[in-house]
Protein backbone atom coordinates (compact mmCIF):
# COMPACT_ATOMS: atom_id res chain seq x y z
CA MET A 1 -51.86 93.21 -262.49
CA THR A 2 -51.66 89.34 -261.68
CA HIS A 3 -54.13 86.93 -263.01
CA LYS A 4 -56.00 86.82 -259.63
CA THR A 5 -56.39 89.99 -259.13
CA LYS A 6 -57.73 90.75 -262.73
CA VAL A 7 -60.57 88.03 -262.23
CA LYS A 8 -61.47 89.84 -258.97
CA ARG A 9 -61.74 93.20 -260.61
CA GLU A 10 -63.93 91.70 -263.46
CA LYS A 11 -66.20 89.71 -260.98
CA LEU A 12 -66.73 93.06 -259.08
CA ARG A 13 -67.28 95.02 -262.03
CA ALA A 14 -69.96 92.55 -262.99
CA ASN A 15 -71.87 91.92 -259.59
CA ALA A 16 -71.71 95.74 -258.13
CA ILE A 17 -71.99 99.45 -258.74
CA VAL A 18 -71.53 102.80 -256.86
CA VAL A 19 -74.25 105.15 -257.42
CA SER A 20 -73.64 108.47 -256.34
CA ASP A 21 -75.53 111.70 -255.99
CA PHE A 22 -73.69 115.02 -256.83
CA ASP A 23 -74.83 118.53 -255.43
CA GLY A 24 -74.12 118.20 -251.53
CA THR A 25 -72.69 114.71 -251.86
CA ILE A 26 -69.55 114.76 -253.87
CA THR A 27 -69.51 118.16 -253.23
CA VAL A 28 -69.99 119.91 -249.89
CA THR A 29 -72.04 122.64 -251.66
CA ASP A 30 -75.35 122.23 -253.31
CA ASN A 31 -74.02 123.80 -256.59
CA THR A 32 -77.51 124.00 -258.14
CA GLN A 33 -79.17 125.67 -255.42
CA CYS A 34 -76.44 128.18 -255.42
CA VAL A 35 -76.95 129.08 -259.02
CA LEU A 36 -80.57 129.39 -258.46
CA GLN A 37 -80.02 131.55 -255.37
CA LYS A 38 -77.96 133.77 -257.52
CA PHE A 39 -79.77 133.78 -261.24
CA ALA A 40 -83.31 132.80 -260.60
CA ASP A 41 -86.50 134.54 -259.23
CA LYS A 42 -87.13 133.79 -255.52
CA GLU A 43 -89.83 131.59 -256.65
CA TRP A 44 -87.76 128.36 -256.63
CA MET A 45 -87.70 128.16 -252.94
CA ARG A 46 -91.30 128.10 -252.94
CA LEU A 47 -91.25 125.31 -255.55
CA ASP A 48 -88.65 123.33 -253.40
CA GLU A 49 -90.92 123.46 -250.46
CA LEU A 50 -93.72 122.10 -252.21
CA TYR A 51 -91.63 119.17 -253.53
CA GLU A 52 -90.65 118.54 -250.08
CA LYS A 53 -94.17 118.60 -248.67
CA GLY A 54 -95.20 116.21 -251.41
CA MET A 55 -97.28 118.65 -253.51
CA LEU A 56 -94.91 118.79 -256.36
CA GLU A 57 -93.45 115.89 -258.53
CA LEU A 58 -89.50 116.07 -258.75
CA VAL A 59 -89.47 116.51 -262.89
CA GLU A 60 -91.96 119.10 -262.51
CA ARG A 61 -90.33 120.93 -259.48
CA VAL A 62 -87.01 120.71 -261.65
CA LYS A 63 -88.46 121.90 -264.86
CA ARG A 64 -90.21 125.20 -263.38
CA GLN A 65 -87.33 125.82 -261.33
CA TYR A 66 -84.81 125.88 -264.46
CA ALA A 67 -87.16 128.06 -266.37
CA LEU A 68 -86.58 130.64 -263.67
CA LEU A 69 -83.04 130.98 -264.61
CA ARG A 70 -81.52 133.85 -266.42
CA ALA A 71 -77.92 133.74 -266.99
CA SER A 72 -75.89 132.15 -269.86
CA SER A 73 -74.22 128.83 -269.57
CA GLU A 74 -71.02 130.41 -269.29
CA GLU A 75 -72.12 132.47 -266.27
CA ILE A 76 -73.50 129.71 -264.83
CA VAL A 77 -70.33 127.64 -265.00
CA LYS A 78 -68.21 130.44 -263.77
CA TYR A 79 -70.23 131.03 -260.65
CA ALA A 80 -70.36 127.29 -259.99
CA LYS A 81 -66.79 127.10 -260.12
CA GLN A 82 -66.28 130.05 -257.60
CA VAL A 83 -68.60 128.57 -255.04
CA ALA A 84 -68.27 124.65 -255.38
CA VAL A 85 -66.22 122.88 -252.67
CA LEU A 86 -65.12 118.96 -253.31
CA ARG A 87 -66.01 116.78 -250.61
CA GLU A 88 -62.75 115.42 -248.74
CA GLY A 89 -61.62 112.15 -249.71
CA PHE A 90 -63.18 112.13 -252.99
CA ALA A 91 -59.86 111.45 -255.23
CA ARG A 92 -59.21 108.50 -253.00
CA PHE A 93 -62.40 107.50 -253.11
CA VAL A 94 -62.28 107.24 -256.97
CA GLY A 95 -58.92 105.71 -256.84
CA LEU A 96 -59.94 103.07 -254.84
CA CYS A 97 -63.22 102.28 -257.18
CA ASN A 98 -60.74 102.29 -260.08
CA LYS A 99 -58.12 99.75 -258.07
CA LYS A 100 -61.14 97.51 -257.39
CA GLY A 101 -62.78 97.58 -260.53
CA LEU A 102 -65.77 98.93 -259.05
CA PRO A 103 -67.98 100.95 -261.43
CA LEU A 104 -69.17 104.38 -260.20
CA VAL A 105 -71.68 106.34 -261.81
CA VAL A 106 -73.05 109.99 -260.90
CA VAL A 107 -76.55 110.51 -261.09
CA SER A 108 -78.04 113.90 -260.54
CA VAL A 109 -81.20 116.20 -261.13
CA GLY A 110 -78.73 119.11 -261.08
CA LEU A 111 -77.82 121.32 -263.99
CA ASP A 112 -75.83 119.15 -266.23
CA ILE A 113 -73.55 122.18 -267.17
CA VAL A 114 -72.65 122.40 -263.49
CA VAL A 115 -72.28 118.99 -263.08
CA LYS A 116 -70.31 117.79 -265.91
CA GLU A 117 -68.13 121.27 -265.87
CA LEU A 118 -67.46 120.67 -262.20
CA LEU A 119 -66.59 117.03 -262.58
CA LYS A 120 -64.18 118.22 -265.01
CA PHE A 121 -62.85 121.07 -263.11
CA PHE A 122 -62.02 118.80 -260.51
CA GLY A 123 -60.27 116.28 -262.56
CA PHE A 124 -62.98 113.74 -262.81
CA GLU A 125 -64.44 114.07 -266.38
CA LYS A 126 -64.12 110.13 -267.06
CA ILE A 127 -66.73 109.49 -264.53
CA ARG A 128 -69.89 108.44 -266.18
CA VAL A 129 -72.84 110.88 -265.47
CA ARG A 130 -76.57 110.25 -265.68
CA VAL A 131 -78.45 113.68 -265.70
CA PRO A 132 -81.41 115.86 -267.47
CA LYS A 133 -80.15 117.93 -270.56
CA THR A 134 -80.72 121.44 -270.42
CA LEU A 135 -81.07 123.90 -273.02
CA PRO A 136 -80.84 127.60 -272.85
CA THR A 137 -83.86 129.75 -274.00
CA GLU A 138 -85.00 133.10 -273.59
CA GLN A 139 -87.70 131.78 -271.22
CA GLY A 140 -85.02 130.07 -269.09
CA TYR A 141 -83.67 126.40 -269.18
CA LYS A 142 -85.84 123.90 -270.87
CA VAL A 143 -85.11 120.25 -269.37
CA PHE A 144 -85.26 116.89 -271.02
CA PHE A 145 -85.08 113.80 -268.85
CA PRO A 146 -83.37 110.70 -270.14
CA LYS A 147 -85.48 107.56 -270.92
CA MET A 148 -86.30 105.66 -268.16
CA TYR A 149 -85.01 102.09 -267.82
CA THR A 150 -87.64 101.01 -265.73
CA THR A 151 -91.26 101.42 -264.95
CA HIS A 152 -93.15 102.29 -262.02
CA THR A 153 -90.14 104.24 -260.36
CA GLN A 154 -90.39 107.88 -259.31
CA ASN A 155 -87.25 109.59 -260.65
CA ILE A 156 -84.17 108.84 -262.87
CA LYS A 157 -82.15 107.96 -259.36
CA GLU A 158 -84.23 105.42 -258.45
CA ASP A 159 -84.57 103.96 -261.94
CA LEU A 160 -80.71 103.78 -262.35
CA VAL A 161 -80.55 101.76 -258.79
CA LEU A 162 -83.50 99.42 -259.76
CA HIS A 163 -81.93 98.92 -263.32
CA ASN A 164 -78.71 97.75 -262.07
CA LYS A 165 -80.53 95.58 -259.39
CA ILE A 166 -82.39 93.81 -262.10
CA LEU A 167 -79.09 93.13 -263.89
CA GLY A 168 -78.23 91.31 -260.79
CA LYS A 169 -75.93 93.82 -259.25
CA LYS A 170 -75.55 95.10 -255.68
CA VAL A 171 -75.71 98.74 -255.44
CA ILE A 172 -73.92 101.06 -253.04
CA TYR A 173 -75.92 104.31 -253.06
CA LEU A 174 -74.52 107.67 -251.74
CA GLY A 175 -76.62 111.16 -251.16
CA ASP A 176 -77.96 113.63 -249.07
CA GLY A 177 -81.51 115.00 -250.44
CA PRO A 178 -84.87 114.13 -250.74
CA SER A 179 -84.71 113.37 -254.22
CA ASP A 180 -82.44 110.45 -253.20
CA TYR A 181 -84.67 108.72 -250.80
CA GLN A 182 -86.72 106.32 -253.25
CA ALA A 183 -83.17 105.43 -254.77
CA ILE A 184 -81.38 104.64 -251.27
CA ARG A 185 -84.47 102.65 -250.10
CA ARG A 186 -83.64 100.50 -253.12
CA ALA A 187 -79.91 100.37 -252.55
CA ASP A 188 -78.15 97.12 -250.97
CA PHE A 189 -75.76 99.54 -249.07
CA ARG A 190 -76.62 103.03 -248.19
CA PHE A 191 -74.12 106.23 -247.36
CA VAL A 192 -75.91 109.23 -246.17
CA VAL A 193 -74.52 112.63 -245.56
CA LYS A 194 -74.25 113.24 -241.95
CA GLY A 195 -76.82 116.11 -241.02
CA SER A 196 -78.61 116.03 -244.44
CA LYS A 197 -82.47 116.05 -245.08
CA LEU A 198 -81.79 112.52 -246.34
CA GLU A 199 -80.77 111.28 -243.16
CA GLU A 200 -83.89 112.84 -241.58
CA LEU A 201 -85.97 110.92 -243.70
CA CYS A 202 -84.25 107.55 -243.15
CA VAL A 203 -84.19 107.72 -239.86
CA LYS A 204 -87.93 108.90 -239.62
CA SER A 205 -88.88 105.95 -241.87
CA GLY A 206 -86.54 103.26 -240.60
CA VAL A 207 -84.29 102.99 -243.64
CA VAL A 208 -80.70 101.40 -242.49
CA HIS A 209 -77.81 103.43 -243.30
CA ALA A 210 -74.63 104.69 -242.60
CA VAL A 211 -73.72 108.58 -242.25
CA PHE A 212 -70.67 109.99 -243.45
CA SER A 213 -68.91 113.51 -243.75
CA SER A 214 -65.77 112.37 -245.76
CA PHE A 215 -65.18 110.16 -248.35
CA ASP A 216 -62.56 108.49 -246.65
CA GLU A 217 -65.11 107.00 -243.99
CA VAL A 218 -66.83 105.29 -246.96
CA SER A 219 -63.68 104.18 -248.56
CA GLU A 220 -62.75 102.45 -245.07
CA SER A 221 -66.00 100.71 -245.07
CA LEU A 222 -65.75 99.50 -248.63
CA GLU A 223 -62.53 98.19 -247.70
CA LYS A 224 -63.17 96.57 -244.46
CA TYR A 225 -66.49 95.18 -244.71
CA ILE A 226 -68.68 95.59 -248.11
CA LEU A 227 -66.09 94.57 -250.67
CA LYS A 228 -65.68 91.28 -248.68
CA LEU A 229 -69.29 90.49 -249.04
CA LEU A 230 -69.31 91.04 -253.14
């Protein structure tokens, strides 16, 4: 690595960050939803509907849904590995971020055991993850959200974006669902899974974004346009 390249990498690492959702974004499948479908009472679907209608806060939805789970951690992880499908181009995208010195963080309100074990399963265990911790009990899974960096944010996704913006970094955000909406609104560069609920929300509210189906599309945008602006 030349001195010039090293300087560019250090500058990018200090000035920008990629923040990505996991379920439905890095994977095509919504793995946590699949787990709930398999191991939880159908009440989890009603809780989803209440959340999407704005009648239930995200933290409350997650806590109540995971309390419905009736399976061991081993059973959940085994099933998640069976159904999970990695989105095309993700490995190349991670390679590009590493090559350029662009930090990548996964932020999710999915089951921590699912997110972390699937990243390990696909060979990406070194990626930093910010996710609520869960504890199996006789009454389902208890959820412990990480302490927020900021105030006046609605969830850990938005909190992480705002935290990095306060640090002076440009934030590139990738997501697919309603829980990503507040975060992506605050991001500097926005990538939304094509055909997702998040795309519907962004279109409806006029939030400027790019859509993608493959991470190769994101990588191309990074190399051709975004990295030149950072």
